[in-house]
Amino acid sequence: EVEDWLKSLQLAPASRAKIRNVMSMIFRHGIRWGWLDRNPVAMVRVSSKRLRRPDVLTAEEFRALLAALPDRERLMGTICATAGLRICEVLGLKWEDIDFATRTANVLRSFVDGSIGPCKTEISQQPVPLDDIVLEGLQAWHPVCGYSEPGDWVFASYQT
């Protein structure tokens, strides 16, 4: 029954597997505390494999995509691609986080669902090296973005 229920959920396979793992952990704690004799979820199997292989752009397709974007979004996409940042981390950057001297960005926060919060992982909060093209783009964006004080958002919008 549990396997059928999990399969019926309109979630990614990895999300269904996480739900199964949490349920199993709860039952294991029940066994440890003497409340249960067995884990009814122990034999439930849920594949966490992706349903299909993700589409990957070629370098030429990616260049064409970037070329079609407005300057602001092109710079955001370039930062994501060259620094390996999530878009929520790019949107959480302030000018004070960009160190042009050391050619790094301190990724300290993220912007998710209209709110500023911590990064997804602690490793995300380490300084990230910035490519020449990103540094040039940031230097060109800084005077024209309208928000250039150290505490201002690099990619300010009505939501940040």
N, C-alpha and C. Protein backbone atom coordinates (compact mmCIF):
# COMPACT_ATOMS: atom_id res chain seq x y z
N GLU A 1 0.81 -1.20 0.00
CA GLU A 1 0.00 0.00 0.00
C GLU A 1 0.85 1.27 0.00
N VAL A 2 1.91 1.26 0.82
CA VAL A 2 2.76 2.45 0.91
C VAL A 2 3.46 2.70 -0.42
N GLU A 3 3.94 1.64 -1.06
CA GLU A 3 4.58 1.80 -2.36
C GLU A 3 3.62 2.41 -3.37
N ASP A 4 2.40 1.90 -3.40
CA ASP A 4 1.40 2.44 -4.33
C ASP A 4 1.11 3.90 -4.03
N TRP A 5 0.99 4.22 -2.74
CA TRP A 5 0.72 5.61 -2.34
C TRP A 5 1.86 6.52 -2.78
N LEU A 6 3.10 6.09 -2.53
CA LEU A 6 4.25 6.90 -2.92
C LEU A 6 4.30 7.09 -4.43
N LYS A 7 4.02 6.03 -5.19
CA LYS A 7 4.03 6.14 -6.65
C LYS A 7 2.94 7.08 -7.16
N SER A 8 1.85 7.21 -6.40
CA SER A 8 0.74 8.07 -6.84
C SER A 8 1.02 9.55 -6.62
N LEU A 9 2.02 9.87 -5.80
CA LEU A 9 2.34 11.27 -5.52
C LEU A 9 2.91 11.95 -6.75
N GLN A 10 2.45 13.13 -7.04
CA GLN A 10 2.93 13.90 -8.20
C GLN A 10 4.21 14.64 -7.81
N LEU A 11 5.24 13.88 -7.50
CA LEU A 11 6.53 14.44 -7.07
C LEU A 11 7.65 13.79 -7.87
N ALA A 12 8.79 14.43 -7.82
CA ALA A 12 9.98 13.86 -8.45
C ALA A 12 10.35 12.57 -7.71
N PRO A 13 10.95 11.62 -8.41
CA PRO A 13 11.34 10.36 -7.76
C PRO A 13 12.19 10.58 -6.50
N ALA A 14 13.10 11.53 -6.55
CA ALA A 14 13.95 11.78 -5.38
C ALA A 14 13.12 12.27 -4.19
N SER A 15 12.09 13.06 -4.45
CA SER A 15 11.23 13.55 -3.37
C SER A 15 10.44 12.40 -2.75
N ARG A 16 9.95 11.49 -3.59
CA ARG A 16 9.24 10.33 -3.06
C ARG A 16 10.17 9.46 -2.22
N ALA A 17 11.41 9.31 -2.66
CA ALA A 17 12.39 8.52 -1.90
C ALA A 17 12.68 9.18 -0.56
N LYS A 18 12.75 10.50 -0.53
CA LYS A 18 12.99 11.19 0.74
C LYS A 18 11.83 10.98 1.71
N ILE A 19 10.60 11.03 1.19
CA ILE A 19 9.44 10.79 2.05
C ILE A 19 9.50 9.38 2.63
N ARG A 20 9.82 8.40 1.80
CA ARG A 20 9.95 7.02 2.28
C ARG A 20 11.04 6.92 3.33
N ASN A 21 12.16 7.59 3.13
CA ASN A 21 13.27 7.53 4.09
C ASN A 21 12.89 8.16 5.42
N VAL A 22 12.16 9.26 5.39
CA VAL A 22 11.72 9.90 6.64
C VAL A 22 10.76 8.98 7.38
N MET A 23 9.83 8.38 6.64
CA MET A 23 8.88 7.45 7.27
C MET A 23 9.64 6.29 7.92
N SER A 24 10.62 5.74 7.23
CA SER A 24 11.39 4.63 7.76
C SER A 24 12.15 5.05 9.01
N MET A 25 12.72 6.24 8.99
CA MET A 25 13.45 6.73 10.16
C MET A 25 12.53 6.85 11.37
N ILE A 26 11.33 7.35 11.16
CA ILE A 26 10.36 7.49 12.26
C ILE A 26 10.05 6.12 12.86
N PHE A 27 9.81 5.14 12.00
CA PHE A 27 9.52 3.79 12.50
C PHE A 27 10.74 3.18 13.20
N ARG A 28 11.95 3.43 12.70
CA ARG A 28 13.16 2.92 13.37
C ARG A 28 13.28 3.50 14.78
N HIS A 29 12.96 4.78 14.92
CA HIS A 29 12.98 5.38 16.26
C HIS A 29 11.94 4.72 17.16
N GLY A 30 10.77 4.42 16.59
CA GLY A 30 9.73 3.73 17.36
C GLY A 30 10.20 2.38 17.86
N ILE A 31 10.95 1.66 17.03
CA ILE A 31 11.50 0.36 17.43
C ILE A 31 12.53 0.57 18.54
N ARG A 32 13.41 1.54 18.36
CA ARG A 32 14.45 1.81 19.35
C ARG A 32 13.87 2.17 20.71
N TRP A 33 12.77 2.88 20.71
CA TRP A 33 12.14 3.30 21.97
C TRP A 33 11.17 2.26 22.52
N GLY A 34 11.05 1.13 21.81
CA GLY A 34 10.21 0.05 22.30
C GLY A 34 8.73 0.21 22.01
N TRP A 35 8.36 1.11 21.15
CA TRP A 35 6.95 1.33 20.83
C TRP A 35 6.48 0.39 19.72
N LEU A 36 7.41 -0.08 18.89
CA LEU A 36 7.07 -0.94 17.75
C LEU A 36 7.98 -2.16 17.74
N ASP A 37 7.51 -3.23 17.11
CA ASP A 37 8.31 -4.45 16.97
C ASP A 37 9.04 -4.51 15.63
N ARG A 38 8.48 -3.83 14.64
CA ARG A 38 9.09 -3.90 13.31
C ARG A 38 8.84 -2.59 12.56
N ASN A 39 9.61 -2.42 11.48
CA ASN A 39 9.48 -1.23 10.64
C ASN A 39 8.65 -1.61 9.41
N PRO A 40 7.39 -1.15 9.35
CA PRO A 40 6.54 -1.54 8.22
C PRO A 40 6.97 -0.94 6.88
N VAL A 41 7.88 0.00 6.89
CA VAL A 41 8.32 0.64 5.66
C VAL A 41 9.66 0.07 5.19
N ALA A 42 10.25 -0.81 5.97
CA ALA A 42 11.59 -1.32 5.67
C ALA A 42 11.69 -1.99 4.30
N MET A 43 10.66 -2.67 3.88
CA MET A 43 10.70 -3.39 2.60
C MET A 43 10.13 -2.58 1.44
N VAL A 44 9.69 -1.37 1.70
CA VAL A 44 9.14 -0.51 0.64
C VAL A 44 10.28 0.00 -0.22
N ARG A 45 10.15 -0.14 -1.52
CA ARG A 45 11.17 0.32 -2.44
C ARG A 45 10.61 1.44 -3.31
N VAL A 46 11.37 2.49 -3.41
CA VAL A 46 11.01 3.61 -4.27
C VAL A 46 12.27 4.03 -5.00
N SER A 47 12.22 4.05 -6.30
CA SER A 47 13.38 4.46 -7.09
C SER A 47 13.55 5.97 -7.00
N SER A 48 14.78 6.40 -6.82
CA SER A 48 15.06 7.84 -6.80
C SER A 48 15.69 8.29 -8.12
N LYS A 49 15.67 7.40 -9.11
CA LYS A 49 16.24 7.76 -10.41
C LYS A 49 15.32 8.74 -11.13
N ARG A 50 15.94 9.60 -11.90
CA ARG A 50 15.17 10.55 -12.71
C ARG A 50 14.35 9.80 -13.73
N LEU A 51 13.21 10.38 -14.05
CA LEU A 51 12.34 9.76 -15.04
C LEU A 51 12.92 9.86 -16.44
N ARG A 52 13.66 10.94 -16.69
CA ARG A 52 14.28 11.09 -18.00
C ARG A 52 15.58 11.85 -17.83
N ARG A 53 16.43 11.71 -18.79
CA ARG A 53 17.72 12.39 -18.77
C ARG A 53 17.50 13.87 -19.06
N PRO A 54 18.12 14.76 -18.27
CA PRO A 54 17.91 16.20 -18.52
C PRO A 54 18.55 16.62 -19.84
N ASP A 55 17.92 17.59 -20.48
CA ASP A 55 18.48 18.15 -21.71
C ASP A 55 19.69 19.01 -21.35
N VAL A 56 20.76 18.84 -22.09
CA VAL A 56 21.98 19.61 -21.86
C VAL A 56 22.27 20.42 -23.11
N LEU A 57 22.46 21.72 -22.93
CA LEU A 57 22.77 22.59 -24.07
C LEU A 57 24.21 22.39 -24.51
N THR A 58 24.44 22.48 -25.80
CA THR A 58 25.80 22.52 -26.30
C THR A 58 26.37 23.90 -25.99
N ALA A 59 27.67 24.05 -26.12
CA ALA A 59 28.29 25.36 -25.89
C ALA A 59 27.71 26.40 -26.85
N GLU A 60 27.50 26.01 -28.09
CA GLU A 60 26.94 26.94 -29.08
C GLU A 60 25.51 27.32 -28.74
N GLU A 61 24.71 26.36 -28.31
CA GLU A 61 23.32 26.66 -27.91
C GLU A 61 23.30 27.60 -26.70
N PHE A 62 24.22 27.36 -25.77
CA PHE A 62 24.28 28.22 -24.59
C PHE A 62 24.68 29.65 -24.97
N ARG A 63 25.67 29.79 -25.85
CA ARG A 63 26.07 31.12 -26.31
C ARG A 63 24.91 31.83 -27.00
N ALA A 64 24.16 31.11 -27.81
CA ALA A 64 23.00 31.70 -28.50
C ALA A 64 21.93 32.12 -27.49
N LEU A 65 21.72 31.32 -26.48
CA LEU A 65 20.76 31.67 -25.43
C LEU A 65 21.19 32.94 -24.71
N LEU A 66 22.45 33.00 -24.30
CA LEU A 66 22.95 34.20 -23.62
C LEU A 66 22.83 35.43 -24.51
N ALA A 67 23.14 35.29 -25.77
CA ALA A 67 23.08 36.43 -26.70
C ALA A 67 21.67 36.97 -26.84
N ALA A 68 20.67 36.13 -26.65
CA ALA A 68 19.28 36.56 -26.80
C ALA A 68 18.74 37.25 -25.55
N LEU A 69 19.47 37.18 -24.45
CA LEU A 69 18.98 37.76 -23.19
C LEU A 69 19.35 39.23 -23.05
N PRO A 70 18.55 40.00 -22.31
CA PRO A 70 18.94 41.38 -21.98
C PRO A 70 20.20 41.36 -21.12
N ASP A 71 20.90 42.49 -21.06
CA ASP A 71 22.19 42.56 -20.36
C ASP A 71 22.14 42.00 -18.94
N ARG A 72 21.17 42.42 -18.16
CA ARG A 72 21.07 42.00 -16.75
C ARG A 72 20.96 40.48 -16.65
N GLU A 73 20.03 39.90 -17.39
CA GLU A 73 19.82 38.47 -17.34
C GLU A 73 20.99 37.69 -17.95
N ARG A 74 21.64 38.28 -18.95
CA ARG A 74 22.82 37.65 -19.54
C ARG A 74 23.93 37.54 -18.50
N LEU A 75 24.12 38.61 -17.72
CA LEU A 75 25.14 38.58 -16.68
C LEU A 75 24.79 37.56 -15.60
N MET A 76 23.53 37.49 -15.22
CA MET A 76 23.11 36.49 -14.23
C MET A 76 23.38 35.07 -14.74
N GLY A 77 23.03 34.81 -15.99
CA GLY A 77 23.26 33.49 -16.58
C GLY A 77 24.74 33.16 -16.68
N THR A 78 25.54 34.16 -16.99
CA THR A 78 26.98 33.95 -17.09
C THR A 78 27.56 33.61 -15.72
N ILE A 79 27.10 34.30 -14.68
CA ILE A 79 27.58 34.00 -13.33
C ILE A 79 27.19 32.58 -12.94
N CYS A 80 25.96 32.21 -13.19
CA CYS A 80 25.51 30.84 -12.87
C CYS A 80 26.39 29.81 -13.58
N ALA A 81 26.62 30.03 -14.86
CA ALA A 81 27.35 29.05 -15.67
C ALA A 81 28.83 28.98 -15.33
N THR A 82 29.46 30.12 -15.08
CA THR A 82 30.91 30.10 -14.86
C THR A 82 31.31 29.91 -13.41
N ALA A 83 30.45 30.32 -12.48
CA ALA A 83 30.78 30.19 -11.06
C ALA A 83 30.06 29.01 -10.40
N GLY A 84 29.14 28.40 -11.13
CA GLY A 84 28.42 27.26 -10.57
C GLY A 84 27.41 27.64 -9.49
N LEU A 85 26.95 28.88 -9.52
CA LEU A 85 25.99 29.32 -8.51
C LEU A 85 24.56 29.04 -8.96
N ARG A 86 23.70 28.84 -7.98
CA ARG A 86 22.27 28.74 -8.25
C ARG A 86 21.75 30.15 -8.49
N ILE A 87 20.66 30.28 -9.25
CA ILE A 87 20.10 31.60 -9.51
C ILE A 87 19.68 32.27 -8.21
N CYS A 88 19.19 31.52 -7.24
CA CYS A 88 18.79 32.11 -5.96
C CYS A 88 20.00 32.71 -5.24
N GLU A 89 21.19 32.14 -5.43
CA GLU A 89 22.40 32.68 -4.82
C GLU A 89 22.85 33.94 -5.55
N VAL A 90 22.72 33.96 -6.87
CA VAL A 90 23.07 35.15 -7.65
C VAL A 90 22.16 36.31 -7.25
N LEU A 91 20.87 36.03 -7.10
CA LEU A 91 19.92 37.07 -6.71
C LEU A 91 20.16 37.56 -5.28
N GLY A 92 20.86 36.79 -4.47
CA GLY A 92 21.17 37.19 -3.10
C GLY A 92 22.46 37.97 -2.96
N LEU A 93 23.15 38.24 -4.06
CA LEU A 93 24.43 38.97 -3.99
C LEU A 93 24.21 40.46 -3.78
N LYS A 94 25.04 41.03 -2.91
CA LYS A 94 25.11 42.49 -2.75
C LYS A 94 26.47 42.92 -3.27
N TRP A 95 26.58 44.21 -3.59
CA TRP A 95 27.85 44.70 -4.11
C TRP A 95 28.99 44.48 -3.12
N GLU A 96 28.70 44.55 -1.83
CA GLU A 96 29.75 44.33 -0.83
C GLU A 96 30.24 42.88 -0.83
N ASP A 97 29.51 41.97 -1.45
CA ASP A 97 29.92 40.57 -1.54
C ASP A 97 30.93 40.33 -2.66
N ILE A 98 31.02 41.28 -3.58
CA ILE A 98 31.92 41.14 -4.73
C ILE A 98 33.26 41.77 -4.38
N ASP A 99 34.32 40.98 -4.44
CA ASP A 99 35.66 41.49 -4.16
C ASP A 99 36.45 41.47 -5.47
N PHE A 100 36.52 42.64 -6.10
CA PHE A 100 37.21 42.73 -7.38
C PHE A 100 38.71 42.49 -7.23
N ALA A 101 39.28 42.83 -6.06
CA ALA A 101 40.72 42.65 -5.84
C ALA A 101 41.09 41.17 -5.80
N THR A 102 40.30 40.37 -5.10
CA THR A 102 40.60 38.93 -5.01
C THR A 102 39.87 38.12 -6.07
N ARG A 103 39.02 38.81 -6.86
CA ARG A 103 38.30 38.18 -7.95
C ARG A 103 37.36 37.08 -7.45
N THR A 104 36.68 37.38 -6.32
CA THR A 104 35.78 36.40 -5.72
C THR A 104 34.45 37.05 -5.34
N ALA A 105 33.47 36.18 -5.10
CA ALA A 105 32.18 36.61 -4.56
C ALA A 105 31.93 35.82 -3.29
N ASN A 106 31.50 36.50 -2.24
CA ASN A 106 31.10 35.83 -1.01
C ASN A 106 29.60 35.58 -1.09
N VAL A 107 29.24 34.34 -1.20
CA VAL A 107 27.84 33.96 -1.35
C VAL A 107 27.28 33.69 0.04
N LEU A 108 26.58 34.67 0.59
CA LEU A 108 26.15 34.61 1.99
C LEU A 108 24.66 34.39 2.17
N ARG A 109 23.88 34.59 1.11
CA ARG A 109 22.42 34.51 1.24
C ARG A 109 21.83 34.12 -0.10
N SER A 110 20.57 33.77 -0.08
CA SER A 110 19.87 33.45 -1.32
C SER A 110 18.47 34.07 -1.29
N PHE A 111 17.92 34.23 -2.47
CA PHE A 111 16.59 34.81 -2.64
C PHE A 111 15.68 33.73 -3.20
N VAL A 112 14.76 33.24 -2.36
CA VAL A 112 13.88 32.14 -2.76
C VAL A 112 12.44 32.50 -2.40
N ASP A 113 11.55 32.35 -3.35
CA ASP A 113 10.12 32.59 -3.12
C ASP A 113 9.85 33.94 -2.46
N GLY A 114 10.55 34.97 -2.91
CA GLY A 114 10.30 36.32 -2.42
C GLY A 114 10.94 36.64 -1.09
N SER A 115 11.78 35.76 -0.56
CA SER A 115 12.40 36.00 0.75
C SER A 115 13.90 35.77 0.68
N ILE A 116 14.61 36.57 1.46
CA ILE A 116 16.06 36.39 1.61
C ILE A 116 16.29 35.42 2.75
N GLY A 117 17.17 34.45 2.53
CA GLY A 117 17.47 33.47 3.56
C GLY A 117 18.86 32.91 3.39
N PRO A 118 19.20 31.91 4.17
CA PRO A 118 20.53 31.31 4.06
C PRO A 118 20.66 30.49 2.78
N CYS A 119 21.90 30.23 2.41
CA CYS A 119 22.16 29.39 1.24
C CYS A 119 21.72 27.96 1.53
N LYS A 120 21.54 27.20 0.48
CA LYS A 120 21.06 25.83 0.60
C LYS A 120 22.02 24.96 1.41
N THR A 121 23.31 25.16 1.21
CA THR A 121 24.31 24.38 1.94
C THR A 121 25.38 25.31 2.49
N GLU A 122 26.08 24.85 3.54
CA GLU A 122 27.15 25.66 4.13
C GLU A 122 28.29 25.87 3.14
N ILE A 123 28.57 24.87 2.33
CA ILE A 123 29.66 25.00 1.36
C ILE A 123 29.38 26.12 0.38
N SER A 124 28.09 26.43 0.19
CA SER A 124 27.70 27.51 -0.72
C SER A 124 28.19 28.86 -0.21
N GLN A 125 28.46 28.96 1.09
CA GLN A 125 28.80 30.25 1.67
C GLN A 125 30.30 30.56 1.63
N GLN A 126 31.07 29.79 0.92
CA GLN A 126 32.50 30.05 0.78
C GLN A 126 32.73 30.98 -0.40
N PRO A 127 33.86 31.74 -0.38
CA PRO A 127 34.16 32.62 -1.52
C PRO A 127 34.25 31.81 -2.82
N VAL A 128 33.67 32.38 -3.86
CA VAL A 128 33.63 31.71 -5.16
C VAL A 128 34.47 32.51 -6.14
N PRO A 129 35.41 31.88 -6.85
CA PRO A 129 36.21 32.61 -7.83
C PRO A 129 35.34 33.08 -8.99
N LEU A 130 35.67 34.28 -9.49
CA LEU A 130 34.91 34.86 -10.60
C LEU A 130 35.78 34.92 -11.85
N ASP A 131 35.21 34.54 -12.95
CA ASP A 131 35.85 34.53 -14.26
C ASP A 131 36.03 35.97 -14.77
N ASP A 132 36.99 36.16 -15.67
CA ASP A 132 37.22 37.49 -16.26
C ASP A 132 35.96 38.07 -16.88
N ILE A 133 35.22 37.24 -17.61
CA ILE A 133 34.03 37.74 -18.29
C ILE A 133 32.97 38.21 -17.28
N VAL A 134 32.90 37.54 -16.12
CA VAL A 134 31.97 37.94 -15.07
C VAL A 134 32.42 39.25 -14.44
N LEU A 135 33.70 39.36 -14.15
CA LEU A 135 34.22 40.60 -13.55
C LEU A 135 34.01 41.78 -14.48
N GLU A 136 34.27 41.58 -15.77
CA GLU A 136 34.04 42.66 -16.74
C GLU A 136 32.56 43.02 -16.80
N GLY A 137 31.71 42.02 -16.79
CA GLY A 137 30.27 42.27 -16.81
C GLY A 137 29.79 43.01 -15.58
N LEU A 138 30.31 42.62 -14.42
CA LEU A 138 29.93 43.30 -13.17
C LEU A 138 30.42 44.75 -13.16
N GLN A 139 31.64 44.97 -13.64
CA GLN A 139 32.17 46.33 -13.70
C GLN A 139 31.35 47.20 -14.65
N ALA A 140 30.87 46.64 -15.73
CA ALA A 140 30.03 47.39 -16.66
C ALA A 140 28.62 47.60 -16.09
N TRP A 141 28.10 46.64 -15.34
CA TRP A 141 26.76 46.71 -14.77
C TRP A 141 26.68 47.70 -13.60
N HIS A 142 27.74 47.77 -12.81
CA HIS A 142 27.75 48.58 -11.59
C HIS A 142 27.31 50.03 -11.80
N PRO A 143 27.86 50.76 -12.76
CA PRO A 143 27.45 52.17 -12.90
C PRO A 143 26.07 52.38 -13.53
N VAL A 144 25.53 51.39 -14.18
CA VAL A 144 24.25 51.59 -14.88
C VAL A 144 23.06 50.91 -14.20
N CYS A 145 23.31 50.12 -13.17
CA CYS A 145 22.23 49.33 -12.57
C CYS A 145 21.27 50.16 -11.72
N GLY A 146 21.71 51.33 -11.27
CA GLY A 146 20.84 52.17 -10.46
C GLY A 146 20.96 51.94 -8.97
N TYR A 147 21.63 50.89 -8.57
CA TYR A 147 21.84 50.56 -7.15
C TYR A 147 23.29 50.14 -7.00
N SER A 148 24.16 51.07 -6.66
CA SER A 148 25.59 50.77 -6.68
C SER A 148 26.29 50.95 -5.33
N GLU A 149 25.53 51.15 -4.27
CA GLU A 149 26.14 51.26 -2.94
C GLU A 149 26.54 49.86 -2.45
N PRO A 150 27.52 49.77 -1.55
CA PRO A 150 27.99 48.46 -1.09
C PRO A 150 26.87 47.55 -0.57
N GLY A 151 25.90 48.10 0.13
CA GLY A 151 24.82 47.28 0.68
C GLY A 151 23.67 47.03 -0.27
N ASP A 152 23.76 47.54 -1.49
CA ASP A 152 22.70 47.35 -2.48
C ASP A 152 22.82 45.97 -3.14
N TRP A 153 21.67 45.48 -3.60
CA TRP A 153 21.64 44.21 -4.33
C TRP A 153 22.26 44.41 -5.71
N VAL A 154 23.08 43.47 -6.13
CA VAL A 154 23.68 43.53 -7.46
C VAL A 154 22.59 43.52 -8.53
N PHE A 155 21.59 42.68 -8.33
CA PHE A 155 20.50 42.57 -9.29
C PHE A 155 19.19 42.98 -8.61
N ALA A 156 19.16 44.24 -8.19
CA ALA A 156 17.99 44.76 -7.48
C ALA A 156 16.75 44.70 -8.35
N SER A 157 15.62 44.45 -7.70
CA SER A 157 14.33 44.47 -8.38
C SER A 157 13.30 44.96 -7.38
N TYR A 158 12.07 45.01 -7.79
CA TYR A 158 11.00 45.43 -6.88
C TYR A 158 10.82 44.44 -5.74
N GLN A 159 11.30 43.21 -5.91
CA GLN A 159 11.13 42.17 -4.90
C GLN A 159 12.25 42.13 -3.88
N THR A 160 13.42 42.72 -4.19
CA THR A 160 14.54 42.65 -3.25
C THR A 160 14.79 43.99 -2.61
